[in-house]
Amino acid sequence: MYELGEKYCDFPRTEDWKRELMAIISRNTSDDMETFRDHDDDSDNVRKCLQEWYNLAADQAQDEDDPAASAAPAGHSSL
């Protein structure tokens, strides 16, 4: 499979350790399908996380627009 992609699709060569890791992940997925199955509440969780992410992005954009409001006190480093 990897050779086909390398030869005909100009994919970069996949290192052996990455191939082994992908094979292990594939086997684990097949062995334990319940872990990877969608749950009824997934869409609510995704929606909630996206909303939090949008709010965080909006807060950061607002801080960039008003540098005085987000300035750190003198003598302190902002990490």
Protein backbone atom coordinates (compact mmCIF):
# COMPACT_ATOMS: atom_id res chain seq x y z
CA MET A 1 0.00 0.00 0.00
CA TYR A 2 2.74 2.48 0.96
CA GLU A 3 4.82 1.58 -2.08
CA LEU A 4 1.85 2.27 -4.35
CA GLY A 5 1.46 5.75 -2.92
CA GLU A 6 5.18 6.43 -3.15
CA LYS A 7 5.47 5.17 -6.72
CA TYR A 8 2.29 6.47 -8.38
CA CYS A 9 1.08 9.34 -6.21
CA ASP A 10 4.38 11.06 -5.36
CA PHE A 11 3.78 10.56 -1.64
CA PRO A 12 6.92 10.93 0.46
CA ARG A 13 8.44 7.69 1.74
CA THR A 14 6.94 6.67 5.06
CA GLU A 15 9.51 5.63 7.63
CA ASP A 16 9.27 2.06 8.95
CA TRP A 17 8.49 3.13 12.52
CA LYS A 18 5.57 5.24 11.27
CA ARG A 19 4.26 2.31 9.25
CA GLU A 20 4.46 0.09 12.32
CA LEU A 21 2.68 2.70 14.45
CA MET A 22 -0.13 3.05 11.88
CA ALA A 23 -0.52 -0.75 11.71
CA ILE A 24 -0.77 -0.98 15.51
CA ILE A 25 -3.37 1.80 15.61
CA SER A 26 -5.37 0.08 12.88
CA ARG A 27 -5.30 -3.25 14.73
CA ASN A 28 -6.27 -1.60 18.02
CA THR A 29 -9.16 0.17 16.31
CA SER A 30 -10.41 -3.09 14.86
CA ASP A 31 -10.01 -4.94 18.16
CA ASP A 32 -11.87 -2.35 20.24
CA MET A 33 -14.53 -0.74 18.05
CA GLU A 34 -16.55 0.48 21.04
CA THR A 35 -13.77 2.92 21.92
CA PHE A 36 -14.04 4.57 18.51
CA ARG A 37 -17.82 4.44 18.16
CA ASP A 38 -19.75 7.71 18.11
CA HIS A 39 -21.86 8.45 21.15
CA ASP A 40 -25.20 10.21 21.24
CA ASP A 41 -23.83 13.20 23.13
CA ASP A 42 -20.79 13.75 20.90
CA SER A 43 -22.42 16.49 18.87
CA ASP A 44 -23.30 18.40 22.05
CA ASN A 45 -19.73 18.07 23.33
CA VAL A 46 -18.32 19.24 20.01
CA ARG A 47 -20.71 22.18 19.89
CA LYS A 48 -19.80 23.19 23.46
CA CYS A 49 -16.05 22.99 22.79
CA LEU A 50 -16.35 24.95 19.56
CA GLN A 51 -18.33 27.66 21.33
CA GLU A 52 -15.65 27.92 24.03
CA TRP A 53 -12.97 28.09 21.34
CA TYR A 54 -14.82 30.85 19.48
CA ASN A 55 -15.23 32.80 22.72
CA LEU A 56 -11.52 32.44 23.49
CA ALA A 57 -10.60 33.59 19.97
CA ALA A 58 -12.91 36.59 20.28
CA ASP A 59 -11.38 37.52 23.66
CA GLN A 60 -7.87 37.30 22.21
CA ALA A 61 -8.85 39.43 19.20
CA GLN A 62 -10.37 41.99 21.55
CA ASP A 63 -7.13 42.04 23.60
CA GLU A 64 -5.11 42.63 20.43
CA ASP A 65 -7.36 45.56 19.48
CA ASP A 66 -6.87 47.17 22.91
CA PRO A 67 -3.21 46.62 23.90
CA ALA A 68 -3.54 48.82 27.02
CA ALA A 69 -6.14 46.48 28.49
CA SER A 70 -3.95 43.42 28.04
CA ALA A 71 -0.60 44.98 29.02
CA ALA A 72 1.20 43.21 31.84
CA PRO A 73 2.29 45.24 34.89
CA ALA A 74 5.87 46.54 34.74
CA GLY A 75 8.47 44.09 36.02
CA HIS A 76 6.43 40.98 35.26
CA SER A 77 6.97 38.76 32.29
CA SER A 78 3.95 37.47 30.44
CA LEU A 79 4.37 33.79 29.62
